[in-house]
Amino acid sequence: MGAADAPTRHSSRLVRIGVTLLAGCAAFVLVGGAPGLVVAAPAALAAWVLMGRMEPPGARRHRERLRAQLPHVVDLMAAGLAVGLGPVETLEQVAAAVDEPVSAELDTVTRRLRLGVPPVTVWRDLGRHRALGRLGRAVARAVESGASVADALARLADDLRRDARSEVENRARAVGVRAAIPLGVCMLPAFVLVGVVPLFVGSVAVVLHR
């Protein structure tokens, strides 16, 4: 992650500490006395672990913005390499052309390359990024194998566009399913009254008249 993530990490840690303390205090107050002290520690520990596994809303929004910008970044990088720019120059041009937060992430990669860190190491490290990992892995594979980075990025751009279309279609289907649930709930009482109740009453009447 880049330097832009530092405030998010700091605020998330504060929230985690606060929730942990609140859980321990709540357990002590609810149980009371010496047993409360015994229960407070496990309660605080459980809260600390659970909060650590949860992704803060700010971090999730940050990651989603990076993922949304990734296809555009890959297209720009592929175009820059295709016209003969070097990888570092391409990154600098792309970082200047895109908005935050992805520009800060690309600036970090550019600085490491300028400092002489081996390109494979830089791109492998980016490959572990939660949002930009596919870019890092694609470039790292191309650099290691000696293949064309521009071709690798062009293929990645196609994959990202295809994935984006699939995600939109899946969301559209999910919206249809969610919309059908309230409709079904609204129609269920009418179906019971019109279809099930008369059938049940008729069956009971037949049984009683026998």
N, C-alpha and C. Protein backbone atom coordinates (compact mmCIF):
# COMPACT_ATOMS: atom_id res chain seq x y z
N MET A 1 0.83 -1.18 0.00
CA MET A 1 0.00 0.00 0.00
C MET A 1 0.88 1.25 0.00
N GLY A 2 0.35 2.35 -0.50
CA GLY A 2 1.09 3.58 -0.55
C GLY A 2 0.91 4.40 0.69
N ALA A 3 1.56 5.60 0.66
CA ALA A 3 1.49 6.47 1.83
C ALA A 3 0.08 6.98 2.06
N ALA A 4 -0.73 7.01 1.01
CA ALA A 4 -2.10 7.52 1.16
C ALA A 4 -2.93 6.65 2.08
N ASP A 5 -2.49 5.40 2.32
CA ASP A 5 -3.25 4.49 3.18
C ASP A 5 -2.95 4.72 4.66
N ALA A 6 -1.91 5.53 5.00
CA ALA A 6 -1.52 5.68 6.40
C ALA A 6 -2.62 6.23 7.27
N PRO A 7 -3.34 7.31 6.88
CA PRO A 7 -4.44 7.79 7.74
C PRO A 7 -5.52 6.75 7.93
N THR A 8 -5.82 6.00 6.88
CA THR A 8 -6.85 4.96 6.99
C THR A 8 -6.44 3.89 7.97
N ARG A 9 -5.17 3.45 7.88
CA ARG A 9 -4.69 2.42 8.80
C ARG A 9 -4.70 2.93 10.23
N HIS A 10 -4.30 4.20 10.42
CA HIS A 10 -4.25 4.77 11.78
C HIS A 10 -5.64 4.84 12.39
N SER A 11 -6.61 5.36 11.63
CA SER A 11 -7.98 5.47 12.16
C SER A 11 -8.58 4.09 12.40
N SER A 12 -8.28 3.14 11.55
CA SER A 12 -8.80 1.78 11.74
C SER A 12 -8.23 1.15 13.00
N ARG A 13 -6.96 1.42 13.26
CA ARG A 13 -6.35 0.87 14.48
C ARG A 13 -6.98 1.48 15.72
N LEU A 14 -7.26 2.78 15.66
CA LEU A 14 -7.91 3.43 16.79
C LEU A 14 -9.30 2.85 17.04
N VAL A 15 -10.04 2.63 15.97
CA VAL A 15 -11.37 2.03 16.11
C VAL A 15 -11.25 0.63 16.70
N ARG A 16 -10.27 -0.12 16.24
CA ARG A 16 -10.08 -1.49 16.74
C ARG A 16 -9.77 -1.48 18.24
N ILE A 17 -8.90 -0.57 18.65
CA ILE A 17 -8.57 -0.48 20.07
C ILE A 17 -9.79 -0.06 20.88
N GLY A 18 -10.55 0.89 20.35
CA GLY A 18 -11.74 1.34 21.08
C GLY A 18 -12.77 0.25 21.25
N VAL A 19 -13.02 -0.51 20.20
CA VAL A 19 -13.99 -1.59 20.29
C VAL A 19 -13.50 -2.67 21.26
N THR A 20 -12.20 -2.94 21.23
CA THR A 20 -11.65 -3.94 22.15
C THR A 20 -11.84 -3.53 23.60
N LEU A 21 -11.52 -2.28 23.92
CA LEU A 21 -11.71 -1.78 25.28
C LEU A 21 -13.19 -1.79 25.68
N LEU A 22 -14.04 -1.41 24.72
CA LEU A 22 -15.48 -1.39 25.01
C LEU A 22 -15.99 -2.80 25.29
N ALA A 23 -15.53 -3.79 24.54
CA ALA A 23 -15.97 -5.16 24.77
C ALA A 23 -15.52 -5.66 26.13
N GLY A 24 -14.28 -5.36 26.50
CA GLY A 24 -13.80 -5.79 27.81
C GLY A 24 -14.56 -5.12 28.94
N CYS A 25 -14.81 -3.81 28.83
CA CYS A 25 -15.55 -3.09 29.86
C CYS A 25 -17.00 -3.59 29.96
N ALA A 26 -17.61 -3.85 28.80
CA ALA A 26 -18.99 -4.33 28.80
C ALA A 26 -19.10 -5.69 29.48
N ALA A 27 -18.13 -6.58 29.18
CA ALA A 27 -18.15 -7.89 29.83
C ALA A 27 -17.98 -7.75 31.34
N PHE A 28 -17.10 -6.85 31.78
CA PHE A 28 -16.88 -6.67 33.22
C PHE A 28 -18.13 -6.11 33.90
N VAL A 29 -18.78 -5.13 33.25
CA VAL A 29 -19.97 -4.52 33.85
C VAL A 29 -21.12 -5.51 33.91
N LEU A 30 -21.30 -6.28 32.84
CA LEU A 30 -22.43 -7.22 32.80
C LEU A 30 -22.27 -8.35 33.80
N VAL A 31 -21.06 -8.88 33.91
CA VAL A 31 -20.84 -10.02 34.81
C VAL A 31 -20.58 -9.54 36.23
N GLY A 32 -19.68 -8.54 36.37
CA GLY A 32 -19.42 -7.96 37.69
C GLY A 32 -18.45 -8.76 38.53
N GLY A 33 -17.79 -8.05 39.43
CA GLY A 33 -16.92 -8.69 40.40
C GLY A 33 -15.73 -9.40 39.77
N ALA A 34 -15.20 -10.37 40.54
CA ALA A 34 -14.05 -11.14 40.07
C ALA A 34 -14.36 -11.92 38.80
N PRO A 35 -15.57 -12.55 38.69
CA PRO A 35 -15.88 -13.24 37.43
C PRO A 35 -15.86 -12.28 36.23
N GLY A 36 -16.26 -11.03 36.48
CA GLY A 36 -16.24 -10.07 35.38
C GLY A 36 -14.84 -9.82 34.87
N LEU A 37 -13.87 -9.76 35.80
CA LEU A 37 -12.48 -9.59 35.38
C LEU A 37 -12.00 -10.78 34.56
N VAL A 38 -12.46 -11.97 34.95
CA VAL A 38 -12.05 -13.18 34.23
C VAL A 38 -12.64 -13.19 32.82
N VAL A 39 -13.89 -12.74 32.70
CA VAL A 39 -14.57 -12.76 31.39
C VAL A 39 -14.11 -11.62 30.51
N ALA A 40 -13.68 -10.51 31.11
CA ALA A 40 -13.34 -9.32 30.33
C ALA A 40 -12.18 -9.58 29.37
N ALA A 41 -11.17 -10.28 29.83
CA ALA A 41 -9.99 -10.51 28.98
C ALA A 41 -10.33 -11.31 27.73
N PRO A 42 -11.03 -12.47 27.84
CA PRO A 42 -11.40 -13.20 26.62
C PRO A 42 -12.32 -12.39 25.71
N ALA A 43 -13.22 -11.60 26.31
CA ALA A 43 -14.12 -10.78 25.49
C ALA A 43 -13.33 -9.74 24.71
N ALA A 44 -12.37 -9.09 25.37
CA ALA A 44 -11.55 -8.09 24.68
C ALA A 44 -10.70 -8.74 23.60
N LEU A 45 -10.14 -9.92 23.90
CA LEU A 45 -9.33 -10.63 22.90
C LEU A 45 -10.16 -11.01 21.69
N ALA A 46 -11.38 -11.52 21.94
CA ALA A 46 -12.25 -11.90 20.83
C ALA A 46 -12.61 -10.69 19.97
N ALA A 47 -12.88 -9.55 20.61
CA ALA A 47 -13.19 -8.33 19.86
C ALA A 47 -11.99 -7.88 19.04
N TRP A 48 -10.80 -7.98 19.61
CA TRP A 48 -9.58 -7.58 18.89
C TRP A 48 -9.38 -8.44 17.64
N VAL A 49 -9.56 -9.75 17.79
CA VAL A 49 -9.37 -10.66 16.65
C VAL A 49 -10.43 -10.42 15.58
N LEU A 50 -11.69 -10.29 16.00
CA LEU A 50 -12.77 -10.08 15.03
C LEU A 50 -12.61 -8.76 14.29
N MET A 51 -12.23 -7.71 14.99
CA MET A 51 -12.03 -6.42 14.32
C MET A 51 -10.85 -6.47 13.36
N GLY A 52 -9.84 -7.28 13.70
CA GLY A 52 -8.70 -7.41 12.81
C GLY A 52 -9.04 -8.11 11.51
N ARG A 53 -10.06 -8.97 11.56
CA ARG A 53 -10.46 -9.69 10.34
C ARG A 53 -11.43 -8.89 9.48
N MET A 54 -11.99 -7.84 10.03
CA MET A 54 -12.94 -7.03 9.27
C MET A 54 -12.21 -5.95 8.48
N GLU A 55 -12.68 -5.71 7.26
CA GLU A 55 -12.09 -4.65 6.44
C GLU A 55 -12.81 -3.34 6.74
N PRO A 56 -12.07 -2.31 7.15
CA PRO A 56 -12.72 -1.03 7.45
C PRO A 56 -13.40 -0.46 6.21
N PRO A 57 -14.51 0.26 6.39
CA PRO A 57 -15.20 0.85 5.23
C PRO A 57 -14.30 1.73 4.38
N GLY A 58 -13.43 2.51 5.04
CA GLY A 58 -12.54 3.38 4.28
C GLY A 58 -11.57 2.59 3.42
N ALA A 59 -11.04 1.50 3.97
CA ALA A 59 -10.13 0.65 3.20
C ALA A 59 -10.86 -0.02 2.05
N ARG A 60 -12.10 -0.42 2.30
CA ARG A 60 -12.87 -1.06 1.21
C ARG A 60 -13.15 -0.08 0.08
N ARG A 61 -13.53 1.15 0.44
CA ARG A 61 -13.77 2.17 -0.60
C ARG A 61 -12.49 2.47 -1.37
N HIS A 62 -11.36 2.54 -0.65
CA HIS A 62 -10.08 2.79 -1.30
C HIS A 62 -9.76 1.67 -2.29
N ARG A 63 -9.95 0.43 -1.87
CA ARG A 63 -9.65 -0.70 -2.75
C ARG A 63 -10.58 -0.72 -3.95
N GLU A 64 -11.85 -0.42 -3.75
CA GLU A 64 -12.80 -0.42 -4.86
C GLU A 64 -12.47 0.67 -5.88
N ARG A 65 -12.01 1.82 -5.40
CA ARG A 65 -11.62 2.89 -6.33
C ARG A 65 -10.40 2.47 -7.14
N LEU A 66 -9.45 1.81 -6.50
CA LEU A 66 -8.28 1.33 -7.22
C LEU A 66 -8.68 0.30 -8.29
N ARG A 67 -9.54 -0.62 -7.92
CA ARG A 67 -9.97 -1.63 -8.87
C ARG A 67 -10.73 -1.02 -10.04
N ALA A 68 -11.53 0.00 -9.76
CA ALA A 68 -12.28 0.65 -10.83
C ALA A 68 -11.35 1.37 -11.81
N GLN A 69 -10.23 1.90 -11.32
CA GLN A 69 -9.29 2.62 -12.18
C GLN A 69 -8.31 1.70 -12.89
N LEU A 70 -8.17 0.46 -12.44
CA LEU A 70 -7.15 -0.43 -12.98
C LEU A 70 -7.27 -0.64 -14.49
N PRO A 71 -8.46 -0.91 -15.07
CA PRO A 71 -8.52 -1.10 -16.53
C PRO A 71 -8.00 0.11 -17.30
N HIS A 72 -8.32 1.31 -16.84
CA HIS A 72 -7.85 2.52 -17.51
C HIS A 72 -6.33 2.63 -17.41
N VAL A 73 -5.78 2.30 -16.25
CA VAL A 73 -4.33 2.34 -16.06
C VAL A 73 -3.64 1.36 -17.00
N VAL A 74 -4.16 0.15 -17.09
CA VAL A 74 -3.55 -0.86 -17.95
C VAL A 74 -3.61 -0.43 -19.41
N ASP A 75 -4.73 0.12 -19.85
CA ASP A 75 -4.84 0.61 -21.23
C ASP A 75 -3.80 1.69 -21.52
N LEU A 76 -3.65 2.63 -20.60
CA LEU A 76 -2.68 3.71 -20.79
C LEU A 76 -1.25 3.19 -20.81
N MET A 77 -0.94 2.24 -19.94
CA MET A 77 0.40 1.68 -19.91
C MET A 77 0.70 0.92 -21.19
N ALA A 78 -0.27 0.13 -21.66
CA ALA A 78 -0.07 -0.61 -22.90
C ALA A 78 0.15 0.35 -24.08
N ALA A 79 -0.61 1.45 -24.11
CA ALA A 79 -0.45 2.42 -25.19
C ALA A 79 0.91 3.09 -25.13
N GLY A 80 1.36 3.43 -23.91
CA GLY A 80 2.66 4.07 -23.77
C GLY A 80 3.80 3.16 -24.20
N LEU A 81 3.75 1.92 -23.80
CA LEU A 81 4.79 0.97 -24.19
C LEU A 81 4.75 0.70 -25.69
N ALA A 82 3.56 0.69 -26.26
CA ALA A 82 3.42 0.40 -27.69
C ALA A 82 4.06 1.48 -28.56
N VAL A 83 4.09 2.73 -28.07
CA VAL A 83 4.69 3.82 -28.85
C VAL A 83 6.17 4.01 -28.55
N GLY A 84 6.73 3.12 -27.72
CA GLY A 84 8.17 3.13 -27.52
C GLY A 84 8.67 3.73 -26.22
N LEU A 85 7.80 4.14 -25.32
CA LEU A 85 8.24 4.64 -24.02
C LEU A 85 8.77 3.50 -23.16
N GLY A 86 9.72 3.79 -22.29
CA GLY A 86 10.21 2.79 -21.37
C GLY A 86 9.23 2.58 -20.23
N PRO A 87 9.37 1.49 -19.47
CA PRO A 87 8.42 1.21 -18.39
C PRO A 87 8.33 2.32 -17.35
N VAL A 88 9.49 2.87 -16.94
CA VAL A 88 9.45 3.91 -15.91
C VAL A 88 8.80 5.18 -16.46
N GLU A 89 9.19 5.56 -17.67
CA GLU A 89 8.58 6.75 -18.28
C GLU A 89 7.08 6.57 -18.45
N THR A 90 6.68 5.37 -18.84
CA THR A 90 5.25 5.08 -19.02
C THR A 90 4.52 5.23 -17.70
N LEU A 91 5.10 4.67 -16.64
CA LEU A 91 4.47 4.77 -15.32
C LEU A 91 4.33 6.23 -14.89
N GLU A 92 5.37 7.02 -15.13
CA GLU A 92 5.31 8.42 -14.74
C GLU A 92 4.21 9.16 -15.51
N GLN A 93 4.11 8.88 -16.80
CA GLN A 93 3.08 9.54 -17.60
C GLN A 93 1.68 9.12 -17.16
N VAL A 94 1.52 7.83 -16.87
CA VAL A 94 0.21 7.34 -16.45
C VAL A 94 -0.16 7.90 -15.08
N ALA A 95 0.80 7.92 -14.15
CA ALA A 95 0.54 8.46 -12.81
C ALA A 95 0.12 9.92 -12.88
N ALA A 96 0.68 10.67 -13.83
CA ALA A 96 0.31 12.07 -13.97
C ALA A 96 -1.06 12.24 -14.62
N ALA A 97 -1.50 11.22 -15.35
CA ALA A 97 -2.76 11.33 -16.09
C ALA A 97 -3.97 10.85 -15.32
N VAL A 98 -3.77 10.00 -14.30
CA VAL A 98 -4.89 9.42 -13.57
C VAL A 98 -5.08 10.14 -12.24
N ASP A 99 -6.20 9.88 -11.61
CA ASP A 99 -6.55 10.52 -10.34
C ASP A 99 -6.10 9.68 -9.15
N GLU A 100 -6.22 10.28 -7.99
CA GLU A 100 -6.01 9.53 -6.75
C GLU A 100 -7.13 8.51 -6.60
N PRO A 101 -6.88 7.40 -5.93
CA PRO A 101 -5.65 7.05 -5.21
C PRO A 101 -4.63 6.28 -6.03
N VAL A 102 -4.98 5.93 -7.28
CA VAL A 102 -4.07 5.07 -8.04
C VAL A 102 -2.79 5.80 -8.41
N SER A 103 -2.83 7.13 -8.58
CA SER A 103 -1.63 7.86 -8.94
C SER A 103 -0.57 7.74 -7.85
N ALA A 104 -0.99 7.77 -6.58
CA ALA A 104 -0.04 7.62 -5.48
C ALA A 104 0.59 6.24 -5.48
N GLU A 105 -0.20 5.21 -5.79
CA GLU A 105 0.33 3.85 -5.83
C GLU A 105 1.36 3.73 -6.96
N LEU A 106 1.07 4.31 -8.12
CA LEU A 106 2.01 4.24 -9.24
C LEU A 106 3.26 5.06 -8.96
N ASP A 107 3.12 6.18 -8.25
CA ASP A 107 4.29 6.97 -7.88
C ASP A 107 5.24 6.15 -7.00
N THR A 108 4.66 5.35 -6.10
CA THR A 108 5.49 4.51 -5.24
C THR A 108 6.28 3.50 -6.06
N VAL A 109 5.62 2.88 -7.03
CA VAL A 109 6.30 1.92 -7.91
C VAL A 109 7.40 2.62 -8.70
N THR A 110 7.11 3.81 -9.24
CA THR A 110 8.08 4.55 -10.03
C THR A 110 9.31 4.90 -9.20
N ARG A 111 9.10 5.36 -7.96
CA ARG A 111 10.24 5.73 -7.11
C ARG A 111 11.13 4.53 -6.85
N ARG A 112 10.55 3.38 -6.62
CA ARG A 112 11.35 2.18 -6.36
C ARG A 112 12.17 1.80 -7.59
N LEU A 113 11.56 1.91 -8.75
CA LEU A 113 12.30 1.61 -9.98
C LEU A 113 13.42 2.62 -10.21
N ARG A 114 13.16 3.89 -9.94
CA ARG A 114 14.18 4.93 -10.09
C ARG A 114 15.34 4.72 -9.11
N LEU A 115 15.04 4.16 -7.94
CA LEU A 115 16.08 3.93 -6.94
C LEU A 115 16.93 2.71 -7.26
N GLY A 116 16.61 1.98 -8.29
CA GLY A 116 17.41 0.84 -8.71
C GLY A 116 16.97 -0.50 -8.17
N VAL A 117 15.79 -0.57 -7.55
CA VAL A 117 15.27 -1.87 -7.11
C VAL A 117 15.00 -2.72 -8.35
N PRO A 118 15.41 -3.98 -8.35
CA PRO A 118 15.20 -4.83 -9.53
C PRO A 118 13.73 -4.81 -9.96
N PRO A 119 13.47 -4.62 -11.27
CA PRO A 119 12.08 -4.54 -11.74
C PRO A 119 11.24 -5.74 -11.35
N VAL A 120 11.83 -6.94 -11.42
CA VAL A 120 11.05 -8.13 -11.07
C VAL A 120 10.60 -8.06 -9.63
N THR A 121 11.47 -7.59 -8.74
CA THR A 121 11.10 -7.46 -7.33
C THR A 121 9.98 -6.45 -7.15
N VAL A 122 10.10 -5.31 -7.83
CA VAL A 122 9.07 -4.27 -7.72
C VAL A 122 7.72 -4.78 -8.17
N TRP A 123 7.70 -5.44 -9.32
CA TRP A 123 6.42 -5.90 -9.87
C TRP A 123 5.88 -7.09 -9.08
N ARG A 124 6.76 -7.92 -8.55
CA ARG A 124 6.27 -9.01 -7.69
C ARG A 124 5.63 -8.45 -6.43
N ASP A 125 6.24 -7.43 -5.85
CA ASP A 125 5.65 -6.81 -4.67
C ASP A 125 4.29 -6.20 -5.00
N LEU A 126 4.19 -5.55 -6.15
CA LEU A 126 2.89 -5.01 -6.55
C LEU A 126 1.89 -6.14 -6.80
N GLY A 127 2.39 -7.30 -7.20
CA GLY A 127 1.50 -8.45 -7.43
C GLY A 127 0.79 -8.92 -6.18
N ARG A 128 1.29 -8.52 -5.00
CA ARG A 128 0.62 -8.88 -3.75
C ARG A 128 -0.37 -7.81 -3.30
N HIS A 129 -0.50 -6.76 -4.09
CA HIS A 129 -1.45 -5.68 -3.78
C HIS A 129 -2.87 -6.21 -3.97
N ARG A 130 -3.77 -5.86 -3.05
CA ARG A 130 -5.13 -6.40 -3.09
C ARG A 130 -5.91 -5.91 -4.30
N ALA A 131 -5.63 -4.69 -4.76
CA ALA A 131 -6.39 -4.13 -5.87
C ALA A 131 -5.60 -4.12 -7.18
N LEU A 132 -4.30 -3.88 -7.12
CA LEU A 132 -3.48 -3.75 -8.32
C LEU A 132 -2.63 -4.99 -8.58
N GLY A 133 -2.93 -6.07 -7.88
CA GLY A 133 -2.10 -7.27 -7.98
C GLY A 133 -2.03 -7.85 -9.37
N ARG A 134 -3.12 -7.78 -10.12
CA ARG A 134 -3.10 -8.38 -11.46
C ARG A 134 -2.13 -7.65 -12.38
N LEU A 135 -2.02 -6.35 -12.22
CA LEU A 135 -1.06 -5.59 -13.00
C LEU A 135 0.36 -6.01 -12.65
N GLY A 136 0.66 -6.09 -11.37
CA GLY A 136 2.00 -6.49 -10.95
C GLY A 136 2.37 -7.87 -11.42
N ARG A 137 1.44 -8.81 -11.30
CA ARG A 137 1.75 -10.19 -11.70
C ARG A 137 1.94 -10.30 -13.21
N ALA A 138 1.13 -9.58 -13.98
CA ALA A 138 1.26 -9.65 -15.44
C ALA A 138 2.61 -9.11 -15.90
N VAL A 139 3.03 -7.97 -15.35
CA VAL A 139 4.32 -7.39 -15.74
C VAL A 139 5.47 -8.25 -15.24
N ALA A 140 5.36 -8.77 -14.02
CA ALA A 140 6.43 -9.61 -13.47
C ALA A 140 6.64 -10.85 -14.33
N ARG A 141 5.55 -11.49 -14.76
CA ARG A 141 5.70 -12.67 -15.62
C ARG A 141 6.36 -12.32 -16.94
N ALA A 142 5.98 -11.18 -17.51
CA ALA A 142 6.57 -10.78 -18.79
C ALA A 142 8.05 -10.46 -18.64
N VAL A 143 8.41 -9.76 -17.55
CA VAL A 143 9.81 -9.42 -17.33
C VAL A 143 10.65 -10.67 -17.10
N GLU A 144 10.13 -11.59 -16.32
CA GLU A 144 10.88 -12.82 -16.03
C GLU A 144 11.07 -13.67 -17.27
N SER A 145 10.06 -13.75 -18.11
CA SER A 145 10.13 -14.61 -19.29
C SER A 145 10.74 -13.93 -20.50
N GLY A 146 10.93 -12.62 -20.44
CA GLY A 146 11.46 -11.89 -21.58
C GLY A 146 10.41 -11.59 -22.64
N ALA A 147 9.15 -11.82 -22.32
CA ALA A 147 8.07 -11.55 -23.27
C ALA A 147 7.79 -10.05 -23.34
N SER A 148 6.97 -9.66 -24.30
CA SER A 148 6.62 -8.26 -24.47
C SER A 148 5.69 -7.82 -23.35
N VAL A 149 6.10 -6.79 -22.62
CA VAL A 149 5.25 -6.26 -21.56
C VAL A 149 4.00 -5.62 -22.15
N ALA A 150 4.17 -4.96 -23.30
CA ALA A 150 3.01 -4.32 -23.96
C ALA A 150 1.96 -5.36 -24.33
N ASP A 151 2.41 -6.50 -24.86
CA ASP A 151 1.45 -7.57 -25.21
C ASP A 151 0.77 -8.12 -23.96
N ALA A 152 1.55 -8.29 -22.89
CA ALA A 152 0.98 -8.81 -21.64
C ALA A 152 -0.08 -7.85 -21.10
N LEU A 153 0.19 -6.56 -21.19
CA LEU A 153 -0.78 -5.59 -20.70
C LEU A 153 -2.00 -5.51 -21.59
N ALA A 154 -1.81 -5.68 -22.89
CA ALA A 154 -2.96 -5.69 -23.80
C ALA A 154 -3.88 -6.86 -23.48
N ARG A 155 -3.29 -8.03 -23.20
CA ARG A 155 -4.11 -9.19 -22.82
C ARG A 155 -4.80 -8.95 -21.49
N LEU A 156 -4.08 -8.34 -20.55
CA LEU A 156 -4.68 -8.05 -19.26
C LEU A 156 -5.84 -7.07 -19.40
N ALA A 157 -5.68 -6.08 -20.27
CA ALA A 157 -6.76 -5.11 -20.49
C ALA A 157 -8.01 -5.82 -21.02
N ASP A 158 -7.82 -6.75 -21.95
CA ASP A 158 -8.96 -7.52 -22.47
C ASP A 158 -9.62 -8.33 -21.35
N ASP A 159 -8.80 -8.96 -20.51
CA ASP A 159 -9.34 -9.76 -19.40
C ASP A 159 -10.12 -8.87 -18.42
N LEU A 160 -9.59 -7.69 -18.13
CA LEU A 160 -10.26 -6.80 -17.19
C LEU A 160 -11.59 -6.31 -17.74
N ARG A 161 -11.63 -6.00 -19.03
CA ARG A 161 -12.89 -5.57 -19.63
C ARG A 161 -13.91 -6.71 -19.61
N ARG A 162 -13.45 -7.92 -19.90
CA ARG A 162 -14.36 -9.06 -19.87
C ARG A 162 -14.87 -9.31 -18.45
N ASP A 163 -14.00 -9.21 -17.47
CA ASP A 163 -14.41 -9.39 -16.07
C ASP A 163 -15.39 -8.30 -15.65
N ALA A 164 -15.14 -7.06 -16.12
CA ALA A 164 -16.04 -5.96 -15.77
C ALA A 164 -17.43 -6.20 -16.33
N ARG A 165 -17.50 -6.68 -17.58
CA ARG A 165 -18.82 -6.98 -18.17
C ARG A 165 -19.51 -8.08 -17.39
N SER A 166 -18.77 -9.11 -17.00
CA SER A 166 -19.37 -10.21 -16.24
C SER A 166 -19.87 -9.73 -14.89
N GLU A 167 -19.10 -8.83 -14.26
CA GLU A 167 -19.51 -8.32 -12.95
C GLU A 167 -20.79 -7.49 -13.07
N VAL A 168 -20.88 -6.69 -14.14
CA VAL A 168 -22.10 -5.91 -14.35
C VAL A 168 -23.29 -6.82 -14.57
N GLU A 169 -23.11 -7.87 -15.37
CA GLU A 169 -24.20 -8.81 -15.62
C GLU A 169 -24.61 -9.52 -14.34
N ASN A 170 -23.64 -9.92 -13.53
CA ASN A 170 -23.96 -10.59 -12.27
C ASN A 170 -24.72 -9.66 -11.33
N ARG A 171 -24.32 -8.40 -11.29
CA ARG A 171 -25.03 -7.45 -10.44
C ARG A 171 -26.45 -7.23 -10.94
N ALA A 172 -26.61 -7.20 -12.27
CA ALA A 172 -27.96 -7.02 -12.82
C ALA A 172 -28.85 -8.21 -12.46
N ARG A 173 -28.29 -9.41 -12.54
CA ARG A 173 -29.08 -10.59 -12.16
C ARG A 173 -29.41 -10.57 -10.68
N ALA A 174 -28.44 -10.14 -9.87
CA ALA A 174 -28.68 -10.08 -8.42
C ALA A 174 -29.78 -9.07 -8.10
N VAL A 175 -29.79 -7.95 -8.83
CA VAL A 175 -30.84 -6.95 -8.61
C VAL A 175 -32.20 -7.54 -8.96
N GLY A 176 -32.27 -8.32 -10.04
CA GLY A 176 -33.53 -8.96 -10.41
C GLY A 176 -34.03 -9.92 -9.34
N VAL A 177 -33.09 -10.68 -8.78
CA VAL A 177 -33.47 -11.63 -7.73
C VAL A 177 -33.95 -10.88 -6.49
N ARG A 178 -33.20 -9.83 -6.11
CA ARG A 178 -33.60 -9.07 -4.92
C ARG A 178 -34.94 -8.37 -5.13
N ALA A 179 -35.20 -7.95 -6.36
CA ALA A 179 -36.47 -7.28 -6.63
C ALA A 179 -37.63 -8.27 -6.61
N ALA A 180 -37.36 -9.53 -6.96
CA ALA A 180 -38.42 -10.53 -6.98
C ALA A 180 -38.84 -10.96 -5.59
N ILE A 181 -37.92 -10.87 -4.63
CA ILE A 181 -38.24 -11.32 -3.27
C ILE A 181 -39.36 -10.48 -2.64
N PRO A 182 -39.26 -9.14 -2.64
CA PRO A 182 -40.39 -8.37 -2.07
C PRO A 182 -41.69 -8.60 -2.82
N LEU A 183 -41.60 -8.76 -4.15
CA LEU A 183 -42.81 -9.00 -4.93
C LEU A 183 -43.45 -10.32 -4.52
N GLY A 184 -42.60 -11.34 -4.31
CA GLY A 184 -43.14 -12.62 -3.88
C GLY A 184 -43.76 -12.55 -2.50
N VAL A 185 -43.12 -11.79 -1.60
CA VAL A 185 -43.67 -11.63 -0.25
C VAL A 185 -45.02 -10.93 -0.30
N CYS A 186 -45.13 -9.93 -1.19
CA CYS A 186 -46.41 -9.22 -1.30
C CYS A 186 -47.51 -10.10 -1.89
N MET A 187 -47.13 -10.95 -2.81
CA MET A 187 -48.13 -11.78 -3.48
C MET A 187 -48.49 -13.03 -2.69
N LEU A 188 -47.63 -13.42 -1.75
CA LEU A 188 -47.88 -14.66 -1.02
C LEU A 188 -49.20 -14.67 -0.27
N PRO A 189 -49.55 -13.61 0.49
CA PRO A 189 -50.85 -13.64 1.19
C PRO A 189 -52.03 -13.79 0.23
N ALA A 190 -51.96 -13.08 -0.90
CA ALA A 190 -53.06 -13.20 -1.87
C ALA A 190 -53.14 -14.61 -2.43
N PHE A 191 -51.99 -15.22 -2.70
CA PHE A 191 -51.99 -16.59 -3.21
C PHE A 191 -52.59 -17.55 -2.18
N VAL A 192 -52.22 -17.33 -0.90
CA VAL A 192 -52.76 -18.21 0.15
C VAL A 192 -54.27 -18.05 0.26
N LEU A 193 -54.75 -16.80 0.25
CA LEU A 193 -56.18 -16.55 0.40
C LEU A 193 -56.98 -17.04 -0.80
N VAL A 194 -56.45 -16.85 -1.99
CA VAL A 194 -57.20 -17.20 -3.21
C VAL A 194 -57.05 -18.67 -3.57
N GLY A 195 -55.86 -19.22 -3.35
CA GLY A 195 -55.61 -20.58 -3.81
C GLY A 195 -55.63 -21.64 -2.74
N VAL A 196 -54.93 -21.38 -1.64
CA VAL A 196 -54.77 -22.42 -0.62
C VAL A 196 -55.98 -22.50 0.29
N VAL A 197 -56.47 -21.36 0.77
CA VAL A 197 -57.58 -21.37 1.72
C VAL A 197 -58.83 -22.02 1.13
N PRO A 198 -59.31 -21.65 -0.07
CA PRO A 198 -60.49 -22.33 -0.63
C PRO A 198 -60.30 -23.83 -0.78
N LEU A 199 -59.09 -24.23 -1.20
CA LEU A 199 -58.82 -25.66 -1.35
C LEU A 199 -58.89 -26.37 -0.01
N PHE A 200 -58.34 -25.75 1.02
CA PHE A 200 -58.37 -26.34 2.35
C PHE A 200 -59.80 -26.42 2.88
N VAL A 201 -60.55 -25.33 2.71
CA VAL A 201 -61.94 -25.31 3.19
C VAL A 201 -62.77 -26.35 2.45
N GLY A 202 -62.57 -26.45 1.15
CA GLY A 202 -63.31 -27.46 0.38
C GLY A 202 -62.99 -28.85 0.81
N SER A 203 -61.71 -29.12 1.08
CA SER A 203 -61.32 -30.47 1.55
C SER A 203 -61.94 -30.79 2.89
N VAL A 204 -61.95 -29.81 3.81
CA VAL A 204 -62.56 -30.02 5.13
C VAL A 204 -64.04 -30.27 4.99
N ALA A 205 -64.71 -29.52 4.11
CA ALA A 205 -66.15 -29.69 3.92
C ALA A 205 -66.48 -31.09 3.40
N VAL A 206 -65.66 -31.57 2.47
CA VAL A 206 -65.89 -32.91 1.93
C VAL A 206 -65.73 -33.94 3.01
N VAL A 207 -64.71 -33.79 3.85
CA VAL A 207 -64.45 -34.77 4.92
C VAL A 207 -65.60 -34.74 5.94
N LEU A 208 -66.12 -33.58 6.30
CA LEU A 208 -67.18 -33.48 7.28
C LEU A 208 -68.48 -34.03 6.78
N HIS A 209 -68.74 -33.98 5.48
CA HIS A 209 -70.01 -34.46 4.95
C HIS A 209 -70.00 -35.96 4.70
N ARG A 210 -68.89 -36.58 4.91
CA ARG A 210 -68.87 -38.05 4.70
C ARG A 210 -69.49 -38.76 5.90
